[in-house]
Amino acid sequence: MSKQNQSDFNKYQALVPDLNGWNSFILRDELLPDLLQDDLGDILYWAGKNLALKLPVTPDDLPAFFAANQWGTLTQQTATEQKTVWNLSGPVVTTRLKMNKDCDFMLETGFLAQTQEQSRGWVSEAEAKKKLNGSIAITVVSDPNQPAPDRASQPPVTFPQPEQS
């Protein structure tokens, strides 16, 4: 193993010592950027929108969906009829950012945009911004002047809600 490869391995071993989640980190932050290069963000955004069509989730079930898929802890910060701001945080987000400061969260961003589009019935788009506290702010905006295309979709996937303490 070359010195660079050993250094990369040590980085992963230090950040993910129990080996849980290595697959997603290696795919999302190592392999896909090499394959997709400058198109990575755009492709992941549209992949997220496509996933939301195939696996529709109600807005109330989004935090459970994100947790089940190890995308992080999703909390709604603010919501109006046209705009929702989400916060994505947690150990998965922190670890991804430590491993690769340039990692993006466009898959999650596209998923949230399409979910809001389906629930509101208006074309919706989203953007993600890294915050200084190590979390990700995802803002989804819907345009009430643009009805969403009528797309056949699956019935919503439901997830058990975490118990309140």
C-alpha atoms as a PDB file:
ATOM      1  CA  MET A   1       0.000   0.000   0.000  1.00  0.00           C
ATOM      2  CA  SER A   2       1.419   3.403  -0.974  1.00  0.00           C
ATOM      3  CA  LYS A   3       1.976   6.086   1.656  1.00  0.00           C
ATOM      4  CA  GLN A   4      -0.990   8.084   0.262  1.00  0.00           C
ATOM      5  CA  ASN A   5      -3.302   5.058   0.310  1.00  0.00           C
ATOM      6  CA  GLN A   6      -2.179   4.202   3.852  1.00  0.00           C
ATOM      7  CA  SER A   7      -2.850   7.795   4.915  1.00  0.00           C
ATOM      8  CA  ASP A   8      -6.362   7.692   3.378  1.00  0.00           C
ATOM      9  CA  PHE A   9      -7.051   4.361   5.077  1.00  0.00           C
ATOM     10  CA  ASN A  10      -5.893   5.732   8.429  1.00  0.00           C
ATOM     11  CA  LYS A  11      -8.192   8.740   7.956  1.00  0.00           C
ATOM     12  CA  TYR A  12     -11.187   6.453   7.450  1.00  0.00           C
ATOM     13  CA  GLN A  13     -10.163   4.148  10.283  1.00  0.00           C
ATOM     14  CA  ALA A  14      -9.887   7.089  12.689  1.00  0.00           C
ATOM     15  CA  LEU A  15     -13.216   8.613  11.674  1.00  0.00           C
ATOM     16  CA  VAL A  16     -15.233   5.428  11.295  1.00  0.00           C
ATOM     17  CA  PRO A  17     -13.585   2.978  13.716  1.00  0.00           C
ATOM     18  CA  ASP A  18     -16.403   0.451  13.857  1.00  0.00           C
ATOM     19  CA  LEU A  19     -16.634   0.231  10.039  1.00  0.00           C
ATOM     20  CA  ASN A  20     -20.383   1.019  10.082  1.00  0.00           C
ATOM     21  CA  GLY A  21     -21.250   3.305   7.217  1.00  0.00           C
ATOM     22  CA  TRP A  22     -18.025   2.849   5.269  1.00  0.00           C
ATOM     23  CA  ASN A  23     -19.945   1.821   2.156  1.00  0.00           C
ATOM     24  CA  SER A  24     -21.895   5.053   1.952  1.00  0.00           C
ATOM     25  CA  PHE A  25     -18.855   7.213   2.707  1.00  0.00           C
ATOM     26  CA  ILE A  26     -16.702   5.464   0.141  1.00  0.00           C
ATOM     27  CA  LEU A  27     -19.390   5.646  -2.539  1.00  0.00           C
ATOM     28  CA  ARG A  28     -20.648   9.176  -1.845  1.00  0.00           C
ATOM     29  CA  ASP A  29     -17.383  10.944  -1.086  1.00  0.00           C
ATOM     30  CA  GLU A  30     -14.686   8.975  -2.886  1.00  0.00           C
ATOM     31  CA  LEU A  31     -16.007   7.005  -5.878  1.00  0.00           C
ATOM     32  CA  LEU A  32     -18.825   9.221  -7.179  1.00  0.00           C
ATOM     33  CA  PRO A  33     -16.752  12.432  -7.203  1.00  0.00           C
ATOM     34  CA  ASP A  34     -14.107  10.641  -9.276  1.00  0.00           C
ATOM     35  CA  LEU A  35     -16.675   9.313 -11.728  1.00  0.00           C
ATOM     36  CA  LEU A  36     -18.962  12.335 -12.021  1.00  0.00           C
ATOM     37  CA  GLN A  37     -16.416  15.112 -11.443  1.00  0.00           C
ATOM     38  CA  ASP A  38     -17.953  18.556 -12.106  1.00  0.00           C
ATOM     39  CA  ASP A  39     -21.425  17.065 -12.641  1.00  0.00           C
ATOM     40  CA  LEU A  40     -21.560  15.444  -9.196  1.00  0.00           C
ATOM     41  CA  GLY A  41     -23.819  17.993  -7.487  1.00  0.00           C
ATOM     42  CA  ASP A  42     -26.293  18.241 -10.364  1.00  0.00           C
ATOM     43  CA  ILE A  43     -26.563  14.479 -10.799  1.00  0.00           C
ATOM     44  CA  LEU A  44     -26.989  13.832  -7.072  1.00  0.00           C
ATOM     45  CA  TYR A  45     -29.655  16.566  -6.847  1.00  0.00           C
ATOM     46  CA  TRP A  46     -31.695  15.003  -9.656  1.00  0.00           C
ATOM     47  CA  ALA A  47     -31.074  11.541  -8.229  1.00  0.00           C
ATOM     48  CA  GLY A  48     -32.548  12.767  -4.938  1.00  0.00           C
ATOM     49  CA  LYS A  49     -35.608  14.107  -6.748  1.00  0.00           C
ATOM     50  CA  ASN A  50     -35.969  10.787  -8.569  1.00  0.00           C
ATOM     51  CA  LEU A  51     -35.693   8.839  -5.296  1.00  0.00           C
ATOM     52  CA  ALA A  52     -38.455  10.984  -3.784  1.00  0.00           C
ATOM     53  CA  LEU A  53     -40.711  10.027  -6.692  1.00  0.00           C
ATOM     54  CA  LYS A  54     -39.958   6.335  -6.217  1.00  0.00           C
ATOM     55  CA  LEU A  55     -40.045   6.441  -2.414  1.00  0.00           C
ATOM     56  CA  PRO A  56     -42.536   9.183  -1.536  1.00  0.00           C
ATOM     57  CA  VAL A  57     -42.475  10.203   2.098  1.00  0.00           C
ATOM     58  CA  THR A  58     -44.868  12.529   3.877  1.00  0.00           C
ATOM     59  CA  PRO A  59     -43.244  15.692   5.219  1.00  0.00           C
ATOM     60  CA  ASP A  60     -43.883  14.455   8.771  1.00  0.00           C
ATOM     61  CA  ASP A  61     -41.950  11.245   8.043  1.00  0.00           C
ATOM     62  CA  LEU A  62     -38.898  12.969   6.548  1.00  0.00           C
ATOM     63  CA  PRO A  63     -36.814  12.955   9.778  1.00  0.00           C
ATOM     64  CA  ALA A  64     -37.440   9.225  10.243  1.00  0.00           C
ATOM     65  CA  PHE A  65     -36.617   8.547   6.575  1.00  0.00           C
ATOM     66  CA  PHE A  66     -33.341  10.468   6.856  1.00  0.00           C
ATOM     67  CA  ALA A  67     -32.419   8.616  10.054  1.00  0.00           C
ATOM     68  CA  ALA A  68     -33.283   5.209   8.553  1.00  0.00           C
ATOM     69  CA  ASN A  69     -31.058   5.923   5.539  1.00  0.00           C
ATOM     70  CA  GLN A  70     -28.180   7.283   7.636  1.00  0.00           C
ATOM     71  CA  TRP A  71     -28.432  10.703   5.968  1.00  0.00           C
ATOM     72  CA  GLY A  72     -28.332  12.526   9.304  1.00  0.00           C
ATOM     73  CA  THR A  73     -30.660  14.177  11.773  1.00  0.00           C
ATOM     74  CA  LEU A  74     -33.222  16.307   9.951  1.00  0.00           C
ATOM     75  CA  THR A  75     -35.131  19.018  11.774  1.00  0.00           C
ATOM     76  CA  GLN A  76     -37.479  21.609  10.376  1.00  0.00           C
ATOM     77  CA  GLN A  77     -36.367  25.117  11.321  1.00  0.00           C
ATOM     78  CA  THR A  78     -39.051  27.297   9.721  1.00  0.00           C
ATOM     79  CA  ALA A  79     -41.945  26.769   7.355  1.00  0.00           C
ATOM     80  CA  THR A  80     -44.291  28.985   5.399  1.00  0.00           C
ATOM     81  CA  GLU A  81     -46.625  28.076   2.584  1.00  0.00           C
ATOM     82  CA  GLN A  82     -43.868  28.605   0.013  1.00  0.00           C
ATOM     83  CA  LYS A  83     -40.595  28.067   1.897  1.00  0.00           C
ATOM     84  CA  THR A  84     -39.241  25.481   4.331  1.00  0.00           C
ATOM     85  CA  VAL A  85     -35.825  25.596   5.972  1.00  0.00           C
ATOM     86  CA  TRP A  86     -34.405  22.311   7.251  1.00  0.00           C
ATOM     87  CA  ASN A  87     -31.309  21.640   9.337  1.00  0.00           C
ATOM     88  CA  LEU A  88     -29.298  18.490   8.641  1.00  0.00           C
ATOM     89  CA  SER A  89     -26.863  17.538  11.395  1.00  0.00           C
ATOM     90  CA  GLY A  90     -25.602  14.663  13.487  1.00  0.00           C
ATOM     91  CA  PRO A  91     -22.656  12.272  13.539  1.00  0.00           C
ATOM     92  CA  VAL A  92     -23.065  11.230   9.888  1.00  0.00           C
ATOM     93  CA  VAL A  93     -22.890  14.836   8.691  1.00  0.00           C
ATOM     94  CA  THR A  94     -19.990  15.665  11.019  1.00  0.00           C
ATOM     95  CA  THR A  95     -18.020  12.615   9.927  1.00  0.00           C
ATOM     96  CA  ARG A  96     -18.601  13.257   6.216  1.00  0.00           C
ATOM     97  CA  LEU A  97     -17.425  16.854   6.613  1.00  0.00           C
ATOM     98  CA  LYS A  98     -14.332  15.749   8.570  1.00  0.00           C
ATOM     99  CA  MET A  99     -13.456  13.162   5.938  1.00  0.00           C
ATOM    100  CA  ASN A 100     -14.029  15.505   3.007  1.00  0.00           C
ATOM    101  CA  LYS A 101     -14.626  19.211   3.576  1.00  0.00           C
ATOM    102  CA  ASP A 102     -15.857  19.457  -0.024  1.00  0.00           C
ATOM    103  CA  CYS A 103     -18.532  16.780   0.310  1.00  0.00           C
ATOM    104  CA  ASP A 104     -21.988  17.839  -0.760  1.00  0.00           C
ATOM    105  CA  PHE A 105     -25.493  17.084   0.385  1.00  0.00           C
ATOM    106  CA  MET A 106     -27.231  17.414  -2.950  1.00  0.00           C
ATOM    107  CA  LEU A 107     -28.889  13.972  -2.823  1.00  0.00           C
ATOM    108  CA  GLU A 108     -30.655  15.019   0.378  1.00  0.00           C
ATOM    109  CA  THR A 109     -31.402  18.468  -1.050  1.00  0.00           C
ATOM    110  CA  GLY A 110     -33.057  17.042  -4.158  1.00  0.00           C
ATOM    111  CA  PHE A 111     -35.056  14.597  -2.050  1.00  0.00           C
ATOM    112  CA  LEU A 112     -36.422  17.435   0.099  1.00  0.00           C
ATOM    113  CA  ALA A 113     -37.237  19.563  -2.956  1.00  0.00           C
ATOM    114  CA  GLN A 114     -39.230  16.787  -4.620  1.00  0.00           C
ATOM    115  CA  THR A 115     -41.009  15.828  -1.405  1.00  0.00           C
ATOM    116  CA  GLN A 116     -42.192  19.410  -0.942  1.00  0.00           C
ATOM    117  CA  GLU A 117     -43.203  19.602  -4.602  1.00  0.00           C
ATOM    118  CA  GLN A 118     -45.324  16.480  -4.215  1.00  0.00           C
ATOM    119  CA  SER A 119     -46.930  17.633  -0.967  1.00  0.00           C
ATOM    120  CA  ARG A 120     -47.661  21.222  -2.059  1.00  0.00           C
ATOM    121  CA  GLY A 121     -48.398  20.619  -5.737  1.00  0.00           C
ATOM    122  CA  TRP A 122     -46.088  23.429  -6.883  1.00  0.00           C
ATOM    123  CA  VAL A 123     -42.698  23.250  -8.587  1.00  0.00           C
ATOM    124  CA  SER A 124     -40.089  23.313  -5.811  1.00  0.00           C
ATOM    125  CA  GLU A 125     -36.328  23.735  -5.798  1.00  0.00           C
ATOM    126  CA  ALA A 126     -33.802  23.688  -2.985  1.00  0.00           C
ATOM    127  CA  GLU A 127     -30.282  24.691  -2.046  1.00  0.00           C
ATOM    128  CA  ALA A 128     -27.926  23.559   0.692  1.00  0.00           C
ATOM    129  CA  LYS A 129     -25.419  25.655   2.620  1.00  0.00           C
ATOM    130  CA  LYS A 130     -22.838  24.497   5.124  1.00  0.00           C
ATOM    131  CA  LYS A 131     -23.144  26.314   8.429  1.00  0.00           C
ATOM    132  CA  LEU A 132     -20.285  27.243  10.738  1.00  0.00           C
ATOM    133  CA  ASN A 133     -21.612  24.895  13.439  1.00  0.00           C
ATOM    134  CA  GLY A 134     -21.020  21.863  11.174  1.00  0.00           C
ATOM    135  CA  SER A 135     -24.624  21.383  10.099  1.00  0.00           C
ATOM    136  CA  ILE A 136     -26.273  21.897   6.725  1.00  0.00           C
ATOM    137  CA  ALA A 137     -29.114  24.352   6.088  1.00  0.00           C
ATOM    138  CA  ILE A 138     -31.378  23.206   3.260  1.00  0.00           C
ATOM    139  CA  THR A 139     -33.890  25.756   1.988  1.00  0.00           C
ATOM    140  CA  VAL A 140     -36.777  24.528  -0.175  1.00  0.00           C
ATOM    141  CA  VAL A 141     -38.830  27.091  -2.084  1.00  0.00           C
ATOM    142  CA  SER A 142     -42.071  26.396  -3.965  1.00  0.00           C
ATOM    143  CA  ASP A 143     -43.594  28.592  -6.666  1.00  0.00           C
ATOM    144  CA  PRO A 144     -47.411  28.753  -6.368  1.00  0.00           C
ATOM    145  CA  ASN A 145     -47.522  30.128  -9.924  1.00  0.00           C
ATOM    146  CA  GLN A 146     -46.044  26.906 -11.313  1.00  0.00           C
ATOM    147  CA  PRO A 147     -48.180  23.805 -10.767  1.00  0.00           C
ATOM    148  CA  ALA A 148     -46.100  20.654 -10.388  1.00  0.00           C
ATOM    149  CA  PRO A 149     -46.250  18.195 -13.265  1.00  0.00           C
ATOM    150  CA  ASP A 150     -48.702  15.372 -12.679  1.00  0.00           C
ATOM    151  CA  ARG A 151     -46.466  12.390 -11.997  1.00  0.00           C
ATOM    152  CA  ALA A 152     -47.683   8.958 -11.103  1.00  0.00           C
ATOM    153  CA  SER A 153     -46.044   8.012  -7.834  1.00  0.00           C
ATOM    154  CA  GLN A 154     -46.092   5.256  -5.311  1.00  0.00           C
ATOM    155  CA  PRO A 155     -48.117   5.531  -2.112  1.00  0.00           C
ATOM    156  CA  PRO A 156     -46.121   7.197   0.671  1.00  0.00           C
ATOM    157  CA  VAL A 157     -43.630   5.096   2.579  1.00  0.00           C
ATOM    158  CA  THR A 158     -44.284   5.335   6.303  1.00  0.00           C
ATOM    159  CA  PHE A 159     -41.705   5.146   9.051  1.00  0.00           C
ATOM    160  CA  PRO A 160     -42.200   4.576  12.770  1.00  0.00           C
ATOM    161  CA  GLN A 161     -41.797   7.857  14.614  1.00  0.00           C
ATOM    162  CA  PRO A 162     -39.178   7.990  17.361  1.00  0.00           C
ATOM    163  CA  GLU A 163     -40.648   7.824  20.817  1.00  0.00           C
ATOM    164  CA  GLN A 164     -40.896  11.139  22.630  1.00  0.00           C
ATOM    165  CA  SER A 165     -39.232  11.167  26.041  1.00  0.00           C
END
